[in-house]
Amino acid sequence: MKKRKSLYRLLACVSLVFILYALVKNYWIDPGASGFLSRKTGLKRELNLPVWLNVMYVHVGFACLAMASGLINFSNRMFEKSRRFHRFNGYVYLVSVLLVVLTSGYMAPYATGGKISSMGFNALNLIWLFVTMTALIQIKRKRIDRHRNWMIRSYAFCFTNLLIHLITSLVHQGFGMVYATSYTIGLYGSIALLIVIPEIIIRTKRTEKNELIP
């Protein structure tokens, strides 16, 4: 139990720091996304900057909301205190994910790294949508354990941007690769990690649960 609380606190710290960073960076420090856009080279589609920026603002805002609402719903204390709020907040998370996926779909053709990165983002969006809708279907069928496991898989995708930039920085600065190539590696590396890590967490949770059963 203490281990779970410690892990939840760690998750909360990482999530809140990243939410604060994303909001400050995108809405205050660099609202024009000049730093990010400067990395985009060889775009085959003309980028309508005002429209792209507005879509990005919606994307970032709801990505942060999804991260926050998902974090709250993983709290056992909050679940026990008000299941009605848990249900309402779950729909907030669902709507947020849908809007993040839709806005990401718009921005995908302009992704750094070209067509291969665009394909990666489209695949990522489909996977995230699939696991999130599966979580919804499981709770509608009153399968609580399965619902929680699918929510773990879904929530992992809230950290997509964080992982992409961590891997990109590692490859670009650590190995000296071209930024666009590093970004593509970061994208596909993140997809792999976002699929594998939740499975490790779920299996660990299942093993601990079995050990508690005499």
C-alpha atoms as a PDB file:
ATOM      1  CA  MET A   1       0.000   0.000   0.000  1.00  0.00           C
ATOM      2  CA  LYS A   2       2.795   2.411   0.957  1.00  0.00           C
ATOM      3  CA  LYS A   3       4.576   1.570  -2.295  1.00  0.00           C
ATOM      4  CA  ARG A   4       1.451   2.426  -4.304  1.00  0.00           C
ATOM      5  CA  LYS A   5       1.052   5.741  -2.478  1.00  0.00           C
ATOM      6  CA  SER A   6       4.690   6.608  -3.172  1.00  0.00           C
ATOM      7  CA  LEU A   7       4.301   5.764  -6.855  1.00  0.00           C
ATOM      8  CA  TYR A   8       1.126   7.842  -7.053  1.00  0.00           C
ATOM      9  CA  ARG A   9       2.882  10.804  -5.440  1.00  0.00           C
ATOM     10  CA  LEU A  10       5.742  10.484  -7.901  1.00  0.00           C
ATOM     11  CA  LEU A  11       3.271  10.323 -10.785  1.00  0.00           C
ATOM     12  CA  ALA A  12       1.471  13.383  -9.408  1.00  0.00           C
ATOM     13  CA  CYS A  13       4.721  15.368  -9.138  1.00  0.00           C
ATOM     14  CA  VAL A  14       5.814  14.504 -12.681  1.00  0.00           C
ATOM     15  CA  SER A  15       2.356  15.235 -14.094  1.00  0.00           C
ATOM     16  CA  LEU A  16       1.920  18.575 -12.323  1.00  0.00           C
ATOM     17  CA  VAL A  17       5.417  19.783 -13.233  1.00  0.00           C
ATOM     18  CA  PHE A  18       4.873  18.856 -16.873  1.00  0.00           C
ATOM     19  CA  ILE A  19       1.426  20.495 -16.971  1.00  0.00           C
ATOM     20  CA  LEU A  20       2.870  23.704 -15.525  1.00  0.00           C
ATOM     21  CA  TYR A  21       5.787  23.602 -17.974  1.00  0.00           C
ATOM     22  CA  ALA A  22       3.510  23.013 -20.987  1.00  0.00           C
ATOM     23  CA  LEU A  23       1.111  25.812 -20.045  1.00  0.00           C
ATOM     24  CA  VAL A  24       3.813  28.382 -19.254  1.00  0.00           C
ATOM     25  CA  LYS A  25       5.893  27.560 -22.333  1.00  0.00           C
ATOM     26  CA  ASN A  26       3.059  27.462 -24.873  1.00  0.00           C
ATOM     27  CA  TYR A  27       0.841  30.252 -23.561  1.00  0.00           C
ATOM     28  CA  TRP A  28       3.355  32.665 -22.057  1.00  0.00           C
ATOM     29  CA  ILE A  29       7.036  32.162 -22.941  1.00  0.00           C
ATOM     30  CA  ASP A  30       6.601  31.154 -26.590  1.00  0.00           C
ATOM     31  CA  PRO A  31       2.938  31.580 -27.627  1.00  0.00           C
ATOM     32  CA  GLY A  32       3.994  31.807 -31.262  1.00  0.00           C
ATOM     33  CA  ALA A  33       5.805  28.443 -31.041  1.00  0.00           C
ATOM     34  CA  SER A  34       8.754  30.036 -32.835  1.00  0.00           C
ATOM     35  CA  GLY A  35      11.265  27.650 -31.253  1.00  0.00           C
ATOM     36  CA  PHE A  36       9.315  24.553 -32.249  1.00  0.00           C
ATOM     37  CA  LEU A  37       8.421  25.797 -35.731  1.00  0.00           C
ATOM     38  CA  SER A  38      12.042  26.697 -36.481  1.00  0.00           C
ATOM     39  CA  ARG A  39      12.798  22.966 -36.440  1.00  0.00           C
ATOM     40  CA  LYS A  40      10.302  22.232 -39.194  1.00  0.00           C
ATOM     41  CA  THR A  41      12.008  22.042 -42.571  1.00  0.00           C
ATOM     42  CA  GLY A  42      10.879  20.870 -45.993  1.00  0.00           C
ATOM     43  CA  LEU A  43       7.153  20.993 -45.316  1.00  0.00           C
ATOM     44  CA  LYS A  44       5.184  19.769 -48.325  1.00  0.00           C
ATOM     45  CA  ARG A  45       2.022  21.520 -47.140  1.00  0.00           C
ATOM     46  CA  GLU A  46       1.805  25.248 -46.618  1.00  0.00           C
ATOM     47  CA  LEU A  47       1.298  25.961 -42.937  1.00  0.00           C
ATOM     48  CA  ASN A  48      -1.455  28.451 -42.117  1.00  0.00           C
ATOM     49  CA  LEU A  49       0.196  29.834 -38.994  1.00  0.00           C
ATOM     50  CA  PRO A  50      -2.827  31.496 -37.287  1.00  0.00           C
ATOM     51  CA  VAL A  51      -4.974  28.372 -37.723  1.00  0.00           C
ATOM     52  CA  TRP A  52      -2.134  26.037 -36.716  1.00  0.00           C
ATOM     53  CA  LEU A  53      -1.434  28.068 -33.572  1.00  0.00           C
ATOM     54  CA  ASN A  54      -5.097  28.073 -32.523  1.00  0.00           C
ATOM     55  CA  VAL A  55      -5.264  24.317 -33.025  1.00  0.00           C
ATOM     56  CA  MET A  56      -2.063  23.945 -31.021  1.00  0.00           C
ATOM     57  CA  TYR A  57      -3.517  25.991 -28.141  1.00  0.00           C
ATOM     58  CA  VAL A  58      -6.561  23.706 -28.038  1.00  0.00           C
ATOM     59  CA  HIS A  59      -4.299  20.653 -28.298  1.00  0.00           C
ATOM     60  CA  VAL A  60      -2.035  21.709 -25.428  1.00  0.00           C
ATOM     61  CA  GLY A  61      -4.916  22.836 -23.226  1.00  0.00           C
ATOM     62  CA  PHE A  62      -6.876  19.618 -23.493  1.00  0.00           C
ATOM     63  CA  ALA A  63      -3.718  17.491 -23.265  1.00  0.00           C
ATOM     64  CA  CYS A  64      -3.048  19.129 -19.893  1.00  0.00           C
ATOM     65  CA  LEU A  65      -6.682  18.640 -18.877  1.00  0.00           C
ATOM     66  CA  ALA A  66      -6.506  14.954 -19.823  1.00  0.00           C
ATOM     67  CA  MET A  67      -3.345  14.535 -17.768  1.00  0.00           C
ATOM     68  CA  ALA A  68      -4.889  16.293 -14.753  1.00  0.00           C
ATOM     69  CA  SER A  69      -8.273  14.537 -14.871  1.00  0.00           C
ATOM     70  CA  GLY A  70      -6.656  11.139 -15.394  1.00  0.00           C
ATOM     71  CA  LEU A  71      -4.346  11.714 -12.444  1.00  0.00           C
ATOM     72  CA  ILE A  72      -7.283  12.612 -10.185  1.00  0.00           C
ATOM     73  CA  ASN A  73      -9.223   9.521 -11.193  1.00  0.00           C
ATOM     74  CA  PHE A  74      -6.320   7.254 -10.245  1.00  0.00           C
ATOM     75  CA  SER A  75      -6.669   8.473  -6.658  1.00  0.00           C
ATOM     76  CA  ASN A  76      -8.318   5.778  -4.521  1.00  0.00           C
ATOM     77  CA  ARG A  77      -9.225   8.393  -1.931  1.00  0.00           C
ATOM     78  CA  MET A  78     -11.077  10.474  -4.518  1.00  0.00           C
ATOM     79  CA  PHE A  79     -12.839   7.370  -5.856  1.00  0.00           C
ATOM     80  CA  GLU A  80     -14.041   6.343  -2.401  1.00  0.00           C
ATOM     81  CA  LYS A  81     -15.082   9.901  -1.523  1.00  0.00           C
ATOM     82  CA  SER A  82     -17.285  10.481  -4.578  1.00  0.00           C
ATOM     83  CA  ARG A  83     -17.938   7.914  -7.276  1.00  0.00           C
ATOM     84  CA  ARG A  84     -20.239  10.365  -9.017  1.00  0.00           C
ATOM     85  CA  PHE A  85     -17.349  12.819  -9.393  1.00  0.00           C
ATOM     86  CA  HIS A  86     -15.116   9.947 -10.554  1.00  0.00           C
ATOM     87  CA  ARG A  87     -17.634   9.147 -13.290  1.00  0.00           C
ATOM     88  CA  PHE A  88     -18.013  12.801 -14.329  1.00  0.00           C
ATOM     89  CA  ASN A  89     -14.256  13.322 -14.332  1.00  0.00           C
ATOM     90  CA  GLY A  90     -13.874  10.183 -16.424  1.00  0.00           C
ATOM     91  CA  TYR A  91     -16.014  11.768 -19.135  1.00  0.00           C
ATOM     92  CA  VAL A  92     -13.919  14.942 -18.869  1.00  0.00           C
ATOM     93  CA  TYR A  93     -10.889  12.764 -19.566  1.00  0.00           C
ATOM     94  CA  LEU A  94     -12.631  11.038 -22.476  1.00  0.00           C
ATOM     95  CA  VAL A  95     -13.670  14.314 -24.144  1.00  0.00           C
ATOM     96  CA  SER A  96     -10.179  15.727 -23.593  1.00  0.00           C
ATOM     97  CA  VAL A  97      -8.568  12.721 -25.263  1.00  0.00           C
ATOM     98  CA  LEU A  98     -10.944  12.995 -28.232  1.00  0.00           C
ATOM     99  CA  LEU A  99     -10.055  16.671 -28.715  1.00  0.00           C
ATOM    100  CA  VAL A 100      -6.335  15.979 -28.365  1.00  0.00           C
ATOM    101  CA  VAL A 101      -6.593  13.239 -30.989  1.00  0.00           C
ATOM    102  CA  LEU A 102      -8.598  15.452 -33.376  1.00  0.00           C
ATOM    103  CA  THR A 103      -6.201  18.398 -33.083  1.00  0.00           C
ATOM    104  CA  SER A 104      -3.229  16.077 -33.409  1.00  0.00           C
ATOM    105  CA  GLY A 105      -4.774  14.718 -36.590  1.00  0.00           C
ATOM    106  CA  TYR A 106      -4.822  18.243 -38.006  1.00  0.00           C
ATOM    107  CA  MET A 107      -1.197  18.900 -37.047  1.00  0.00           C
ATOM    108  CA  ALA A 108       0.145  15.492 -38.118  1.00  0.00           C
ATOM    109  CA  PRO A 109       0.753  16.454 -41.785  1.00  0.00           C
ATOM    110  CA  TYR A 110       3.033  19.266 -40.558  1.00  0.00           C
ATOM    111  CA  ALA A 111       5.001  17.031 -38.181  1.00  0.00           C
ATOM    112  CA  THR A 112       8.748  17.467 -37.890  1.00  0.00           C
ATOM    113  CA  GLY A 113      10.391  14.664 -39.853  1.00  0.00           C
ATOM    114  CA  GLY A 114       7.930  14.612 -42.737  1.00  0.00           C
ATOM    115  CA  LYS A 115       5.596  11.859 -43.880  1.00  0.00           C
ATOM    116  CA  ILE A 116       7.070   9.100 -41.718  1.00  0.00           C
ATOM    117  CA  SER A 117       6.454  11.204 -38.600  1.00  0.00           C
ATOM    118  CA  SER A 118       2.942  12.060 -39.800  1.00  0.00           C
ATOM    119  CA  MET A 119       2.200   8.356 -40.147  1.00  0.00           C
ATOM    120  CA  GLY A 120       3.562   7.759 -36.650  1.00  0.00           C
ATOM    121  CA  PHE A 121       1.312  10.414 -35.114  1.00  0.00           C
ATOM    122  CA  ASN A 122      -1.736   9.055 -36.933  1.00  0.00           C
ATOM    123  CA  ALA A 123      -0.954   5.544 -35.669  1.00  0.00           C
ATOM    124  CA  LEU A 124      -0.430   6.880 -32.148  1.00  0.00           C
ATOM    125  CA  ASN A 125      -3.787   8.694 -32.260  1.00  0.00           C
ATOM    126  CA  LEU A 126      -5.607   5.553 -33.368  1.00  0.00           C
ATOM    127  CA  ILE A 127      -3.986   3.459 -30.630  1.00  0.00           C
ATOM    128  CA  TRP A 128      -4.804   6.027 -27.929  1.00  0.00           C
ATOM    129  CA  LEU A 129      -8.391   6.316 -29.110  1.00  0.00           C
ATOM    130  CA  PHE A 130      -8.752   2.519 -29.197  1.00  0.00           C
ATOM    131  CA  VAL A 131      -7.445   1.905 -25.662  1.00  0.00           C
ATOM    132  CA  THR A 132      -9.497   4.798 -24.246  1.00  0.00           C
ATOM    133  CA  MET A 133     -12.727   3.592 -25.824  1.00  0.00           C
ATOM    134  CA  THR A 134     -11.946   0.060 -24.642  1.00  0.00           C
ATOM    135  CA  ALA A 135     -11.622   1.397 -21.085  1.00  0.00           C
ATOM    136  CA  LEU A 136     -15.060   3.001 -21.466  1.00  0.00           C
ATOM    137  CA  ILE A 137     -16.595  -0.218 -22.797  1.00  0.00           C
ATOM    138  CA  GLN A 138     -15.123  -2.219 -19.899  1.00  0.00           C
ATOM    139  CA  ILE A 139     -16.635   0.044 -17.220  1.00  0.00           C
ATOM    140  CA  LYS A 140     -19.984   0.036 -19.013  1.00  0.00           C
ATOM    141  CA  ARG A 141     -19.865  -3.758 -18.628  1.00  0.00           C
ATOM    142  CA  LYS A 142     -18.979  -3.386 -14.908  1.00  0.00           C
ATOM    143  CA  ARG A 143     -15.548  -4.946 -15.410  1.00  0.00           C
ATOM    144  CA  ILE A 144     -13.718  -2.698 -12.955  1.00  0.00           C
ATOM    145  CA  ASP A 145     -10.304  -4.395 -12.969  1.00  0.00           C
ATOM    146  CA  ARG A 146     -10.200  -4.490 -16.761  1.00  0.00           C
ATOM    147  CA  HIS A 147     -11.349  -0.870 -16.877  1.00  0.00           C
ATOM    148  CA  ARG A 148      -8.484   0.189 -14.596  1.00  0.00           C
ATOM    149  CA  ASN A 149      -5.945  -1.727 -16.660  1.00  0.00           C
ATOM    150  CA  TRP A 150      -7.133  -0.124 -19.887  1.00  0.00           C
ATOM    151  CA  MET A 151      -7.070   3.280 -18.190  1.00  0.00           C
ATOM    152  CA  ILE A 152      -3.435   2.683 -17.254  1.00  0.00           C
ATOM    153  CA  ARG A 153      -2.745   1.976 -20.933  1.00  0.00           C
ATOM    154  CA  SER A 154      -4.678   5.078 -21.980  1.00  0.00           C
ATOM    155  CA  TYR A 155      -3.168   7.435 -19.402  1.00  0.00           C
ATOM    156  CA  ALA A 156       0.345   6.491 -20.476  1.00  0.00           C
ATOM    157  CA  PHE A 157      -0.284   8.315 -23.765  1.00  0.00           C
ATOM    158  CA  CYS A 158      -0.659  11.591 -21.867  1.00  0.00           C
ATOM    159  CA  PHE A 159       3.131  11.482 -21.577  1.00  0.00           C
ATOM    160  CA  THR A 160       3.691  11.223 -25.335  1.00  0.00           C
ATOM    161  CA  ASN A 161       5.081  14.729 -25.727  1.00  0.00           C
ATOM    162  CA  LEU A 162       7.353  14.381 -22.717  1.00  0.00           C
ATOM    163  CA  LEU A 163       8.849  11.118 -23.968  1.00  0.00           C
ATOM    164  CA  ILE A 164       9.247  12.365 -27.527  1.00  0.00           C
ATOM    165  CA  HIS A 165      11.265  15.379 -26.409  1.00  0.00           C
ATOM    166  CA  LEU A 166      13.361  13.380 -23.939  1.00  0.00           C
ATOM    167  CA  ILE A 167      14.325  10.786 -26.555  1.00  0.00           C
ATOM    168  CA  THR A 168      14.785  13.447 -29.240  1.00  0.00           C
ATOM    169  CA  SER A 169      17.141  15.441 -27.019  1.00  0.00           C
ATOM    170  CA  LEU A 170      19.088  12.293 -26.121  1.00  0.00           C
ATOM    171  CA  VAL A 171      19.535  11.267 -29.760  1.00  0.00           C
ATOM    172  CA  HIS A 172      20.139  14.789 -31.105  1.00  0.00           C
ATOM    173  CA  GLN A 173      22.493  16.077 -28.429  1.00  0.00           C
ATOM    174  CA  GLY A 174      23.953  12.784 -27.270  1.00  0.00           C
ATOM    175  CA  PHE A 175      24.606  11.209 -30.668  1.00  0.00           C
ATOM    176  CA  GLY A 176      24.717  14.321 -32.844  1.00  0.00           C
ATOM    177  CA  MET A 177      22.007  13.195 -35.253  1.00  0.00           C
ATOM    178  CA  VAL A 178      19.993  15.652 -37.360  1.00  0.00           C
ATOM    179  CA  TYR A 179      17.087  17.056 -35.333  1.00  0.00           C
ATOM    180  CA  ALA A 180      14.359  15.899 -37.764  1.00  0.00           C
ATOM    181  CA  THR A 181      15.711  12.342 -37.715  1.00  0.00           C
ATOM    182  CA  SER A 182      16.090  12.473 -33.934  1.00  0.00           C
ATOM    183  CA  TYR A 183      12.475  13.626 -33.640  1.00  0.00           C
ATOM    184  CA  THR A 184      11.225  10.713 -35.751  1.00  0.00           C
ATOM    185  CA  ILE A 185      13.227   8.277 -33.628  1.00  0.00           C
ATOM    186  CA  GLY A 186      11.812   9.963 -30.533  1.00  0.00           C
ATOM    187  CA  LEU A 187       8.270   9.543 -31.850  1.00  0.00           C
ATOM    188  CA  TYR A 188       8.521   5.848 -32.672  1.00  0.00           C
ATOM    189  CA  GLY A 189      10.569   5.149 -29.563  1.00  0.00           C
ATOM    190  CA  SER A 190       7.840   6.782 -27.492  1.00  0.00           C
ATOM    191  CA  ILE A 191       5.106   4.701 -29.116  1.00  0.00           C
ATOM    192  CA  ALA A 192       7.020   1.531 -28.227  1.00  0.00           C
ATOM    193  CA  LEU A 193       7.554   2.642 -24.620  1.00  0.00           C
ATOM    194  CA  LEU A 194       3.925   3.763 -24.233  1.00  0.00           C
ATOM    195  CA  ILE A 195       2.803   0.268 -25.209  1.00  0.00           C
ATOM    196  CA  VAL A 196       5.375  -1.681 -23.170  1.00  0.00           C
ATOM    197  CA  ILE A 197       5.522   0.304 -19.894  1.00  0.00           C
ATOM    198  CA  PRO A 198       1.777   0.010 -19.043  1.00  0.00           C
ATOM    199  CA  GLU A 199       1.963  -3.756 -19.586  1.00  0.00           C
ATOM    200  CA  ILE A 200       4.842  -3.986 -17.119  1.00  0.00           C
ATOM    201  CA  ILE A 201       2.855  -1.939 -14.582  1.00  0.00           C
ATOM    202  CA  ILE A 202      -0.261  -4.080 -15.061  1.00  0.00           C
ATOM    203  CA  ARG A 203       1.654  -7.350 -14.693  1.00  0.00           C
ATOM    204  CA  THR A 204       3.459  -6.061 -11.600  1.00  0.00           C
ATOM    205  CA  LYS A 205       0.138  -4.979 -10.092  1.00  0.00           C
ATOM    206  CA  ARG A 206      -1.377  -8.385 -10.877  1.00  0.00           C
ATOM    207  CA  THR A 207       1.584 -10.220  -9.326  1.00  0.00           C
ATOM    208  CA  GLU A 208       1.381  -8.153  -6.125  1.00  0.00           C
ATOM    209  CA  LYS A 209      -2.364  -8.819  -5.914  1.00  0.00           C
ATOM    210  CA  ASN A 210      -1.820 -12.595  -6.297  1.00  0.00           C
ATOM    211  CA  GLU A 211       0.850 -12.573  -3.586  1.00  0.00           C
ATOM    212  CA  LEU A 212      -1.636 -11.033  -1.148  1.00  0.00           C
ATOM    213  CA  ILE A 213      -4.102 -13.875  -1.723  1.00  0.00           C
ATOM    214  CA  PRO A 214      -3.326 -16.731   0.721  1.00  0.00           C
END
